[in-house]
């Protein structure tokens, strides 16, 4: 594993051509987009749509409509009507979706989808975020597994010393659009009853699929093996329900944030399908991670390592099979994890990763995540087109760095400044101006939305003051580039600044 820490990028983007400031910053870390958004739900939605709307639209077009719905307008419209007739979301999430579409439009994203024959709207964003609640295709697989270890199982490890580690596999049907469009999004809410939190998922997803709060709670969602139901609408999409428990500073009103807040949020909302959520918080040897199991018919049940499980030691395992809500049914991955822990219940971070890979690893593993709260460490690996995520070297993120509030460090970012490209949008030429407060080595480069270097504009030492260069909309070989979204990055010894620009026809 390698440690890659990248400075916070643009702290406030203000373009004459848009309706409002963009309260967001985007970094590409080891090929993985890291998006920070701050402010109200409307402001965070706008920033996400503006900065990652092109990728989010690709996920909607190619994955949700093209793959999950099989390219069928009938099936998509069935999902949409099911959502409209049976689901409800908190007003704040509706507003976030509304402003996401506005941000996408202002960034120049083409919102038209040929399959459904119209522009994408806020409801489409909410429908795609309810994918695990709506999808009924047998060939679209949503599997997952996770294992947490603490106390006696980690006491002998010099890194953990009794503290908790959780390793999580996101196992969905592989699709190249998901491989190409991951996202780690860090939220800095302006609302007084909310707290910073982050989610690892894909562009356009703003529920809590794999999430961590600034308070240290982690919550990872798996699908359950029974979607039985007895009560009706309105349902709350499970990823928004989990988000409510993670984002609210104290959802259950007990004076602190803990996995119990996630349980309370799930208990307060009606769900359509079956879900299993592995929630943790590190209290050293006294940790009590829980698995929350829920569906519509049976309600909500929780378990820890002491009940309804054959897992030895201070270890807790979750797969896609209920073990508290219903009598356990056979699960080969669960059994394999139990066998590994029975042979040796002691866990280190490396062994947690390898046990999960060996006992629960599947070819459909598209993300592998490990969180060690006591070390402030979040590890994230993505699949390739041919290899599962757990076989890849994960990127290590410092949690304190991720939760560094960008609105509180703006003085650092002004050491060197990159102005907005002028004009923006442009066709095909734009001027890029930056200012240095002292002599420095400079890199000024253009990247596409996937993080691929398109054109190195400047590289080498430059003196203090203002500098300008013109980009002609061409790559390193001089070829004209297609219209779309691009990013220009200024890198100096003390500053990293990124600006978004849109080439139009």
Protein backbone atom coordinates (compact mmCIF):
# COMPACT_ATOMS: atom_id res chain seq x y z
CA UNK A 1 0.00 0.00 0.00
CA UNK A 2 1.21 3.48 -0.71
CA UNK A 3 0.35 6.81 0.86
CA UNK A 4 -0.81 9.52 -1.51
CA UNK A 5 -1.79 12.83 0.03
CA UNK A 6 -2.80 15.63 -2.29
CA UNK A 7 -3.36 19.22 -1.20
CA UNK A 8 -6.88 20.59 -1.14
CA UNK A 9 -7.63 22.10 -4.52
CA UNK A 10 -9.85 24.96 -5.63
CA UNK A 11 -11.68 26.41 -2.68
CA UNK A 12 -14.32 28.49 -4.43
CA UNK A 13 -14.97 28.64 -8.14
CA UNK A 14 -16.94 31.61 -9.41
CA UNK A 15 -17.71 31.79 -13.11
CA UNK A 16 -19.56 34.65 -14.79
CA UNK A 17 -21.47 32.09 -16.86
CA UNK A 18 -23.03 30.21 -13.94
CA UNK A 19 -25.81 30.90 -11.51
CA UNK A 20 -23.78 30.71 -8.32
CA UNK A 21 -20.41 29.93 -6.80
CA UNK A 22 -19.25 26.33 -7.01
CA UNK A 23 -18.56 25.23 -3.44
CA UNK A 24 -16.38 22.31 -4.40
CA UNK A 25 -12.93 21.03 -5.25
CA UNK A 26 -11.84 18.04 -7.29
CA UNK A 27 -8.61 16.06 -7.02
CA UNK A 28 -7.43 13.04 -8.95
CA UNK A 29 -5.51 10.84 -6.51
CA UNK A 30 -3.92 7.75 -8.01
CA UNK A 31 -6.57 7.81 -10.72
CA UNK A 32 -9.40 8.13 -8.20
CA UNK A 33 -11.51 11.32 -8.13
CA UNK A 34 -11.81 12.92 -4.69
CA UNK A 35 -14.56 15.53 -4.58
CA UNK A 36 -15.03 17.92 -1.66
CA UNK A 37 -18.29 19.86 -1.45
CA UNK A 38 -19.41 22.30 1.22
CA UNK A 39 -22.38 24.45 2.16
CA UNK A 40 -26.09 23.70 2.12
CA UNK A 41 -27.54 20.66 0.38
CA UNK A 42 -28.35 22.86 -2.60
CA UNK A 43 -24.79 24.21 -2.75
CA UNK A 44 -23.26 20.76 -2.37
CA UNK A 45 -25.51 19.33 -5.05
CA UNK A 46 -24.66 22.16 -7.43
CA UNK A 47 -20.93 21.68 -6.87
CA UNK A 48 -21.16 17.92 -7.44
CA UNK A 49 -23.14 18.43 -10.64
CA UNK A 50 -20.80 21.11 -11.90
CA UNK A 51 -17.54 19.31 -11.13
CA UNK A 52 -18.49 15.68 -11.80
CA UNK A 53 -21.65 15.98 -13.88
CA UNK A 54 -20.06 14.62 -17.03
CA UNK A 55 -19.06 11.42 -15.21
CA UNK A 56 -22.43 11.22 -13.45
CA UNK A 57 -24.25 11.50 -16.77
CA UNK A 58 -22.10 8.69 -18.19
CA UNK A 59 -23.00 6.45 -15.24
CA UNK A 60 -26.69 7.25 -15.76
CA UNK A 61 -26.59 6.70 -19.53
CA UNK A 62 -24.33 3.67 -19.83
CA UNK A 63 -24.76 1.85 -16.54
CA UNK A 64 -28.22 2.56 -15.20
CA UNK A 65 -30.22 3.04 -18.42
CA UNK A 66 -27.97 1.05 -20.72
CA UNK A 67 -27.10 -1.90 -18.46
CA UNK A 68 -29.42 -2.16 -15.45
CA UNK A 69 -32.42 -1.31 -17.65
CA UNK A 70 -31.02 -3.22 -20.64
CA UNK A 71 -31.31 -0.14 -22.85
CA UNK A 72 -35.08 -0.45 -22.60
CA UNK A 73 -37.08 2.79 -22.31
CA UNK A 74 -40.03 0.69 -21.13
CA UNK A 75 -38.07 -0.80 -18.22
CA UNK A 76 -36.54 2.55 -17.28
CA UNK A 77 -39.94 4.25 -17.30
CA UNK A 78 -41.28 1.38 -15.19
CA UNK A 79 -38.56 2.04 -12.58
CA UNK A 80 -39.23 5.78 -12.72
CA UNK A 81 -42.99 5.37 -12.30
CA UNK A 82 -42.39 2.88 -9.46
CA UNK A 83 -40.20 5.45 -7.77
CA UNK A 84 -42.66 8.31 -8.27
CA UNK A 85 -45.62 6.27 -7.02
CA UNK A 86 -43.95 4.52 -4.09
CA UNK A 87 -40.93 6.46 -2.83
CA UNK A 88 -40.33 9.68 -0.93
CA UNK A 89 -37.10 11.39 0.11
CA UNK A 90 -36.31 14.11 2.61
CA UNK A 91 -36.72 17.60 1.17
CA UNK A 92 -32.97 18.21 1.54
CA UNK A 93 -32.15 15.31 -0.79
CA UNK A 94 -34.74 16.45 -3.31
CA UNK A 95 -33.15 19.89 -3.24
CA UNK A 96 -29.69 18.38 -3.62
CA UNK A 97 -30.85 16.50 -6.73
CA UNK A 98 -32.51 19.63 -8.15
CA UNK A 99 -29.31 21.62 -7.83
CA UNK A 100 -27.15 18.78 -9.11
CA UNK A 101 -28.99 18.99 -12.43
CA UNK A 102 -28.59 22.78 -12.42
CA UNK A 103 -24.85 22.40 -11.83
CA UNK A 104 -24.59 19.88 -14.67
CA UNK A 105 -26.42 22.20 -17.04
CA UNK A 106 -24.29 25.21 -16.10
CA UNK A 107 -21.14 23.14 -16.65
CA UNK A 108 -22.23 22.42 -20.21
CA UNK A 109 -23.13 18.75 -19.70
CA UNK A 110 -25.41 17.44 -22.44
CA UNK A 111 -28.38 16.21 -20.38
CA UNK A 112 -30.16 14.49 -23.28
CA UNK A 113 -30.54 10.70 -23.10
CA UNK A 114 -31.41 9.07 -26.40
CA UNK A 115 -32.99 5.98 -24.87
CA UNK A 116 -35.58 7.85 -22.84
CA UNK A 117 -35.83 10.61 -25.44
CA UNK A 118 -35.47 13.64 -23.16
CA UNK A 119 -33.12 15.55 -20.89
CA UNK A 120 -32.13 13.99 -17.59
CA UNK A 121 -33.85 15.64 -14.60
CA UNK A 122 -33.68 15.56 -10.79
CA UNK A 123 -36.07 12.62 -10.56
CA UNK A 124 -33.74 10.60 -12.78
CA UNK A 125 -30.91 11.28 -10.33
CA UNK A 126 -33.06 10.09 -7.42
CA UNK A 127 -34.18 7.00 -9.37
CA UNK A 128 -30.57 6.04 -10.09
CA UNK A 129 -29.72 6.53 -6.41
CA UNK A 130 -32.50 4.07 -5.59
CA UNK A 131 -30.95 1.41 -7.84
CA UNK A 132 -30.61 -1.19 -5.07
CA UNK A 133 -34.25 -0.66 -4.09
CA UNK A 134 -35.64 -0.84 -7.63
CA UNK A 135 -33.58 -3.27 -9.70
CA UNK A 136 -35.24 -6.62 -10.29
CA UNK A 137 -33.05 -8.11 -13.03
CA UNK A 138 -31.58 -11.46 -12.00
CA UNK A 139 -28.41 -10.89 -14.05
CA UNK A 140 -27.59 -7.62 -12.26
CA UNK A 141 -25.76 -8.69 -9.12
CA UNK A 142 -25.50 -6.58 -5.98
CA UNK A 143 -23.43 -8.59 -3.51
CA UNK A 144 -21.06 -7.51 -0.76
CA UNK A 145 -19.20 -8.76 2.30
CA UNK A 146 -17.32 -7.26 5.24
CA UNK A 147 -15.36 -8.25 8.34
CA UNK A 148 -14.55 -6.20 11.44
CA UNK A 149 -11.98 -7.23 14.05
CA UNK A 150 -10.98 -5.67 17.40
CA UNK A 151 -10.20 -6.44 21.04
CA UNK A 152 -8.55 -9.80 21.63
CA UNK A 153 -8.36 -10.50 17.90
CA UNK A 154 -6.16 -7.44 17.28
CA UNK A 155 -4.39 -7.04 20.65
CA UNK A 156 -1.19 -8.73 19.49
CA UNK A 157 -0.89 -6.68 16.32
CA UNK A 158 1.58 -3.79 16.87
CA UNK A 159 -0.40 -1.45 14.65
CA UNK A 160 -3.86 -2.11 16.03
CA UNK A 161 -3.12 -3.01 19.66
CA UNK A 162 -6.74 -3.96 20.31
CA UNK A 163 -8.25 -1.31 18.05
CA UNK A 164 -10.71 -2.00 15.26
CA UNK A 165 -10.18 -2.66 11.56
CA UNK A 166 -12.95 -3.27 9.03
CA UNK A 167 -12.44 -4.52 5.48
CA UNK A 168 -15.28 -4.31 2.99
CA UNK A 169 -15.87 -5.76 -0.51
CA UNK A 170 -18.38 -4.14 -2.85
CA UNK A 171 -19.37 -6.93 -5.22
CA UNK A 172 -21.61 -5.77 -8.07
CA UNK A 173 -21.80 -6.99 -11.65
CA UNK A 174 -18.68 -5.58 -13.31
CA UNK A 175 -19.23 -2.83 -15.83
CA UNK A 176 -16.60 -0.64 -17.54
CA UNK A 177 -18.55 2.55 -16.83
CA UNK A 178 -18.32 1.89 -13.09
CA UNK A 179 -14.62 1.07 -13.42
CA UNK A 180 -14.08 4.40 -15.19
CA UNK A 181 -16.19 6.61 -12.90
CA UNK A 182 -15.53 5.99 -9.20
CA UNK A 183 -15.83 8.82 -6.71
CA UNK A 184 -14.91 9.60 -3.11
CA UNK A 185 -17.10 12.51 -2.02
CA UNK A 186 -16.45 14.43 1.21
CA UNK A 187 -19.33 16.58 2.50
CA UNK A 188 -18.90 19.65 4.73
CA UNK A 189 -22.49 20.59 5.64
CA UNK A 190 -23.53 24.13 6.53
CA UNK A 191 -26.56 22.80 8.40
CA UNK A 192 -26.07 23.06 12.16
CA UNK A 193 -27.44 19.57 12.89
CA UNK A 194 -25.15 17.83 10.40
CA UNK A 195 -21.48 16.80 10.42
CA UNK A 196 -18.82 16.15 7.80
CA UNK A 197 -18.94 12.69 6.28
CA UNK A 198 -17.65 10.90 3.21
CA UNK A 199 -18.93 8.30 0.83
CA UNK A 200 -17.08 6.03 -1.60
CA UNK A 201 -19.14 5.09 -4.61
CA UNK A 202 -19.59 6.32 -8.15
CA UNK A 203 -20.21 9.62 -9.90
CA UNK A 204 -23.84 10.63 -9.49
CA UNK A 205 -24.41 8.53 -6.34
CA UNK A 206 -24.97 10.71 -3.29
CA UNK A 207 -26.39 8.21 -0.83
CA UNK A 208 -24.26 6.36 1.72
CA UNK A 209 -23.09 3.13 0.10
CA UNK A 210 -19.70 2.92 1.83
CA UNK A 211 -19.46 5.79 4.28
CA UNK A 212 -17.44 7.23 7.17
CA UNK A 213 -18.39 10.16 9.41
CA UNK A 214 -15.97 12.65 10.90
CA UNK A 215 -16.97 11.20 14.29
CA UNK A 216 -15.43 7.88 13.23
CA UNK A 217 -18.54 5.82 12.51
CA UNK A 218 -18.37 3.63 9.39
CA UNK A 219 -21.36 2.09 7.63
CA UNK A 220 -21.19 -0.31 4.68
CA UNK A 221 -24.36 -1.51 2.93
CA UNK A 222 -24.92 -5.06 1.62
CA UNK A 223 -28.02 -6.51 0.01
CA UNK A 224 -30.07 -9.00 2.05
CA UNK A 225 -31.38 -12.35 0.82
CA UNK A 226 -35.08 -11.65 1.45
CA UNK A 227 -37.05 -8.74 0.03
CA UNK A 228 -40.34 -9.86 1.62
CA UNK A 229 -42.80 -7.05 2.24
CA UNK A 230 -46.17 -6.48 3.86
CA UNK A 231 -46.55 -2.71 4.23
CA UNK A 232 -46.69 -0.17 1.46
CA UNK A 233 -45.40 3.17 0.37
CA UNK A 234 -43.91 5.62 0.86
CA UNK A 235 -40.51 3.97 0.95
CA UNK A 236 -37.20 5.76 1.61
CA UNK A 237 -34.25 4.63 -0.56
CA UNK A 238 -31.91 2.74 1.75
CA UNK A 239 -28.81 4.70 0.72
CA UNK A 240 -30.49 7.96 1.78
CA UNK A 241 -31.69 6.35 5.00
CA UNK A 242 -28.13 5.33 5.90
CA UNK A 243 -26.93 8.79 4.91
CA UNK A 244 -29.40 10.35 7.37
CA UNK A 245 -27.92 8.26 10.18
CA UNK A 246 -24.36 9.10 9.14
CA UNK A 247 -24.73 12.78 8.25
CA UNK A 248 -26.83 13.87 11.22
CA UNK A 249 -24.55 14.76 14.11
CA UNK A 250 -26.82 13.00 16.61
CA UNK A 251 -29.75 11.34 14.89
CA UNK A 252 -31.11 9.49 17.94
CA UNK A 253 -30.58 12.41 20.34
CA UNK A 254 -28.47 10.51 22.87
CA UNK A 255 -25.69 13.11 22.91
CA UNK A 256 -23.19 11.37 20.61
CA UNK A 257 -22.77 9.88 17.16
CA UNK A 258 -22.52 6.09 17.00
CA UNK A 259 -23.73 3.09 14.98
CA UNK A 260 -26.96 3.39 16.96
CA UNK A 261 -27.77 6.52 14.95
CA UNK A 262 -27.71 4.44 11.76
CA UNK A 263 -30.00 1.86 13.38
CA UNK A 264 -32.41 4.59 14.50
CA UNK A 265 -32.58 6.11 11.01
CA UNK A 266 -33.39 2.70 9.52
CA UNK A 267 -36.04 2.03 12.15
CA UNK A 268 -37.68 5.40 11.43
CA UNK A 269 -38.14 4.76 7.71
CA UNK A 270 -40.03 2.19 5.67
CA UNK A 271 -37.85 0.22 3.31
CA UNK A 272 -38.80 -1.68 0.16
CA UNK A 273 -36.11 -4.36 0.02
CA UNK A 274 -33.77 -6.34 2.24
CA UNK A 275 -30.50 -4.82 3.38
CA UNK A 276 -27.59 -5.59 5.70
CA UNK A 277 -25.48 -2.74 7.09
CA UNK A 278 -22.17 -3.32 8.89
CA UNK A 279 -21.62 -0.33 11.21
CA UNK A 280 -18.56 0.27 13.39
CA UNK A 281 -16.98 2.72 15.80
CA UNK A 282 -13.62 2.15 17.44
CA UNK A 283 -13.62 2.13 21.24
CA UNK A 284 -10.51 -0.02 21.53
CA UNK A 285 -10.99 -3.36 23.28
CA UNK A 286 -14.51 -2.23 24.20
CA UNK A 287 -15.65 -1.78 20.60
CA UNK A 288 -19.06 -3.12 19.65
CA UNK A 289 -19.54 -3.16 15.89
CA UNK A 290 -23.01 -4.21 14.82
CA UNK A 291 -24.72 -5.67 11.78
CA UNK A 292 -28.12 -4.12 11.09
CA UNK A 293 -30.51 -6.35 9.17
CA UNK A 294 -33.77 -5.06 7.73
CA UNK A 295 -36.51 -5.65 5.22
CA UNK A 296 -40.12 -4.59 4.83
CA UNK A 297 -41.82 -7.65 6.30
CA UNK A 298 -39.70 -8.39 9.36
CA UNK A 299 -38.54 -4.88 10.28
CA UNK A 300 -35.10 -4.30 11.82
CA UNK A 301 -32.80 -6.54 13.86
CA UNK A 302 -29.20 -6.05 14.99
CA UNK A 303 -26.50 -8.52 15.96
CA UNK A 304 -22.93 -8.39 17.23
CA UNK A 305 -20.28 -11.07 17.72
CA UNK A 306 -22.06 -12.45 20.77
CA UNK A 307 -25.35 -13.55 19.20
CA UNK A 308 -26.51 -15.70 16.31
CA UNK A 309 -23.03 -16.23 14.90
CA UNK A 310 -20.33 -18.88 14.80
CA UNK A 311 -17.50 -16.43 14.18
CA UNK A 312 -14.72 -16.94 16.76
CA UNK A 313 -12.89 -14.20 18.65
CA UNK A 314 -13.66 -10.50 18.50
CA UNK A 315 -14.62 -10.63 14.85
CA UNK A 316 -17.89 -9.86 13.11
CA UNK A 317 -18.79 -10.90 9.56
CA UNK A 318 -21.53 -9.79 7.18
CA UNK A 319 -22.40 -11.17 3.76
CA UNK A 320 -25.73 -11.12 1.90
CA UNK A 321 -27.51 -13.59 4.18
CA UNK A 322 -29.65 -12.63 7.16
CA UNK A 323 -28.62 -14.22 10.43
CA UNK A 324 -30.74 -12.29 12.96
CA UNK A 325 -33.81 -11.17 11.04
CA UNK A 326 -34.33 -14.78 9.87
CA UNK A 327 -32.75 -18.12 10.68
CA UNK A 328 -29.37 -18.30 8.93
CA UNK A 329 -29.20 -19.94 5.51
CA UNK A 330 -26.01 -21.39 4.01
CA UNK A 331 -23.50 -18.92 2.59
CA UNK A 332 -20.21 -20.19 1.20
CA UNK A 333 -18.42 -16.89 1.79
CA UNK A 334 -19.60 -16.64 5.38
CA UNK A 335 -18.54 -20.25 6.00
CA UNK A 336 -15.12 -19.65 4.41
CA UNK A 337 -14.53 -16.57 6.59
CA UNK A 338 -15.54 -18.55 9.68
CA UNK A 339 -13.10 -21.32 8.71
CA UNK A 340 -10.26 -18.81 8.29
CA UNK A 341 -10.97 -17.19 11.65
CA UNK A 342 -11.37 -20.52 13.38
CA UNK A 343 -7.93 -21.52 12.15
CA UNK A 344 -6.54 -18.22 13.46
CA UNK A 345 -8.77 -15.52 15.00
CA UNK A 346 -5.92 -12.99 15.30
CA UNK A 347 -6.04 -10.17 12.77
CA UNK A 348 -3.70 -7.48 11.49
CA UNK A 349 -4.60 -4.98 8.76
CA UNK A 350 -2.75 -7.06 6.17
CA UNK A 351 -4.38 -10.29 7.30
CA UNK A 352 -7.83 -8.67 7.32
CA UNK A 353 -7.28 -7.75 3.68
CA UNK A 354 -5.93 -11.18 2.73
CA UNK A 355 -8.58 -13.17 4.63
CA UNK A 356 -11.34 -11.23 2.91
CA UNK A 357 -9.65 -11.74 -0.45
CA UNK A 358 -9.08 -15.45 0.05
CA UNK A 359 -12.33 -16.41 1.73
CA UNK A 360 -14.83 -13.94 0.30
CA UNK A 361 -13.13 -12.60 -2.82
CA UNK A 362 -15.20 -12.75 -6.00
CA UNK A 363 -14.49 -11.84 -9.60
CA UNK A 364 -17.32 -9.28 -9.30
CA UNK A 365 -15.45 -7.33 -6.58
CA UNK A 366 -15.44 -3.75 -7.90
CA UNK A 367 -14.26 -1.93 -4.76
CA UNK A 368 -12.26 -3.06 -1.74
CA UNK A 369 -12.09 -0.74 1.27
CA UNK A 370 -10.34 -0.90 4.62
CA UNK A 371 -10.87 1.58 7.46
CA UNK A 372 -8.70 1.85 10.59
CA UNK A 373 -10.06 4.66 12.72
CA UNK A 374 -7.25 4.55 15.30
CA UNK A 375 -4.67 5.09 12.55
CA UNK A 376 -6.78 7.65 10.69
CA UNK A 377 -6.40 5.48 7.60
CA UNK A 378 -8.80 4.73 4.76
CA UNK A 379 -7.62 2.33 2.04
CA UNK A 380 -9.46 2.08 -1.28
CA UNK A 381 -8.83 -0.19 -4.25
CA UNK A 382 -10.74 -0.24 -7.54
CA UNK A 383 -11.20 -3.07 -10.02
CA UNK A 384 -9.71 -3.02 -13.50
CA UNK A 385 -11.49 -4.24 -16.60
CA UNK A 386 -10.18 -7.74 -15.95
CA UNK A 387 -9.12 -7.96 -12.29
CA UNK A 388 -11.12 -7.64 -9.04
CA UNK A 389 -10.42 -4.74 -6.72
CA UNK A 390 -8.90 -6.78 -3.89
CA UNK A 391 -6.02 -7.81 -6.20
CA UNK A 392 -5.04 -4.16 -6.75
CA UNK A 393 -2.75 -2.03 -4.63
CA UNK A 394 -5.04 0.23 -2.59
CA UNK A 395 -4.56 3.95 -2.25
CA UNK A 396 -4.16 5.06 1.36
CA UNK A 397 -5.90 8.25 2.45
CA UNK A 398 -5.29 10.14 5.67
CA UNK A 399 -8.73 10.71 7.22
CA UNK A 400 -7.62 13.97 8.84
CA UNK A 401 -6.55 15.23 5.41
CA UNK A 402 -9.86 14.19 3.85
CA UNK A 403 -11.81 15.97 6.59
CA UNK A 404 -9.71 19.14 6.44
CA UNK A 405 -12.40 21.76 5.92
CA UNK A 406 -11.51 23.63 2.72
CA UNK A 407 -13.26 26.79 3.87
CA UNK A 408 -10.80 27.08 6.75
CA UNK A 409 -7.56 26.85 4.76
CA UNK A 410 -8.14 29.38 2.01
CA UNK A 411 -5.13 31.42 3.10
CA UNK A 412 -2.87 28.55 2.03
CA UNK A 413 -4.42 28.37 -1.40
CA UNK A 414 -3.80 32.04 -2.18
CA UNK A 415 -0.01 31.67 -2.17
CA UNK A 416 -0.23 31.04 -5.89
CA UNK A 417 -3.42 31.50 -7.87
CA UNK A 418 -4.87 30.21 -11.09
CA UNK A 419 -7.53 32.48 -12.53
CA UNK A 420 -10.62 31.25 -14.30
CA UNK A 421 -9.93 30.38 -17.95
CA UNK A 422 -11.07 33.20 -20.23
CA UNK A 423 -13.33 32.67 -22.02
CA UNK A 424 -15.11 29.72 -20.42
CA UNK A 425 -16.94 28.02 -22.11
CA UNK A 426 -14.65 28.43 -25.13
CA UNK A 427 -14.20 27.32 -28.74
CA UNK A 428 -11.48 26.34 -29.34
CA UNK A 429 -9.06 28.73 -27.61
CA UNK A 430 -8.87 29.94 -24.01
CA UNK A 431 -6.31 31.94 -22.02
CA UNK A 432 -4.96 30.57 -18.74
CA UNK A 433 -3.52 33.09 -16.27
CA UNK A 434 -1.77 32.37 -12.99
CA UNK A 435 0.10 34.44 -10.42
CA UNK A 436 3.15 33.45 -8.35
CA UNK A 437 4.18 35.30 -5.21
CA UNK A 438 7.78 34.11 -5.58
CA UNK A 439 9.97 32.20 -8.02
CA UNK A 440 8.90 28.59 -8.22
CA UNK A 441 8.88 25.46 -10.35
CA UNK A 442 5.58 25.35 -12.21
CA UNK A 443 3.55 22.72 -13.99
CA UNK A 444 0.48 23.88 -15.91
CA UNK A 445 -1.34 20.95 -17.50
CA UNK A 446 -4.70 20.00 -18.98
CA UNK A 447 -6.49 16.76 -18.06
CA UNK A 448 -9.67 15.10 -19.31
CA UNK A 449 -12.51 13.96 -17.02
CA UNK A 450 -10.87 10.57 -16.42
CA UNK A 451 -7.69 12.23 -15.10
CA UNK A 452 -5.61 11.47 -18.22
CA UNK A 453 -2.98 14.07 -19.13
CA UNK A 454 -4.03 15.80 -22.34
CA UNK A 455 -1.50 18.61 -22.71
CA UNK A 456 1.45 19.86 -20.66
CA UNK A 457 1.36 23.60 -21.24
CA UNK A 458 4.25 24.76 -19.04
CA UNK A 459 6.91 23.01 -16.99
CA UNK A 460 9.91 24.55 -15.25
CA UNK A 461 11.00 27.54 -13.15
CA UNK A 462 9.07 30.82 -13.38
CA UNK A 463 9.55 34.17 -11.67
CA UNK A 464 7.06 35.97 -9.43
CA UNK A 465 4.11 37.81 -10.89
CA UNK A 466 1.42 37.11 -13.45
CA UNK A 467 1.90 34.63 -16.29
CA UNK A 468 -0.44 33.69 -19.14
CA UNK A 469 -0.57 31.00 -21.77
CA UNK A 470 -3.07 30.11 -24.46
CA UNK A 471 -4.47 26.63 -24.92
CA UNK A 472 -5.62 25.90 -28.46
CA UNK A 473 -7.81 22.92 -27.57
CA UNK A 474 -5.25 20.41 -28.84
CA UNK A 475 -3.41 17.48 -27.25
CA UNK A 476 0.33 16.78 -27.09
CA UNK A 477 0.40 15.54 -30.69
CA UNK A 478 -1.42 18.61 -31.98
CA UNK A 479 -4.74 16.88 -32.62
CA UNK A 480 -7.93 18.85 -32.14
CA UNK A 481 -9.90 17.57 -29.14
CA UNK A 482 -13.61 16.88 -28.97
CA UNK A 483 -15.91 19.30 -27.17
CA UNK A 484 -16.44 18.44 -23.52
CA UNK A 485 -15.21 19.06 -19.97
CA UNK A 486 -11.49 19.48 -19.23
CA UNK A 487 -9.48 20.50 -16.16
CA UNK A 488 -6.41 22.73 -16.00
CA UNK A 489 -4.10 22.17 -13.02
CA UNK A 490 -1.48 24.54 -11.64
CA UNK A 491 1.14 22.77 -9.54
CA UNK A 492 3.82 24.71 -7.66
CA UNK A 493 5.91 24.03 -4.59
CA UNK A 494 3.19 25.25 -2.23
CA UNK A 495 -0.07 25.10 -4.17
CA UNK A 496 -2.26 22.80 -6.23
CA UNK A 497 -5.15 24.53 -7.98
CA UNK A 498 -7.56 23.06 -10.51
CA UNK A 499 -10.06 24.90 -12.68
CA UNK A 500 -12.79 23.35 -14.79
CA UNK A 501 -13.32 24.47 -18.37
CA UNK A 502 -15.80 23.53 -21.07
CA UNK A 503 -15.00 23.33 -24.76
CA UNK A 504 -18.12 23.82 -26.87
CA UNK A 505 -18.82 23.30 -30.55
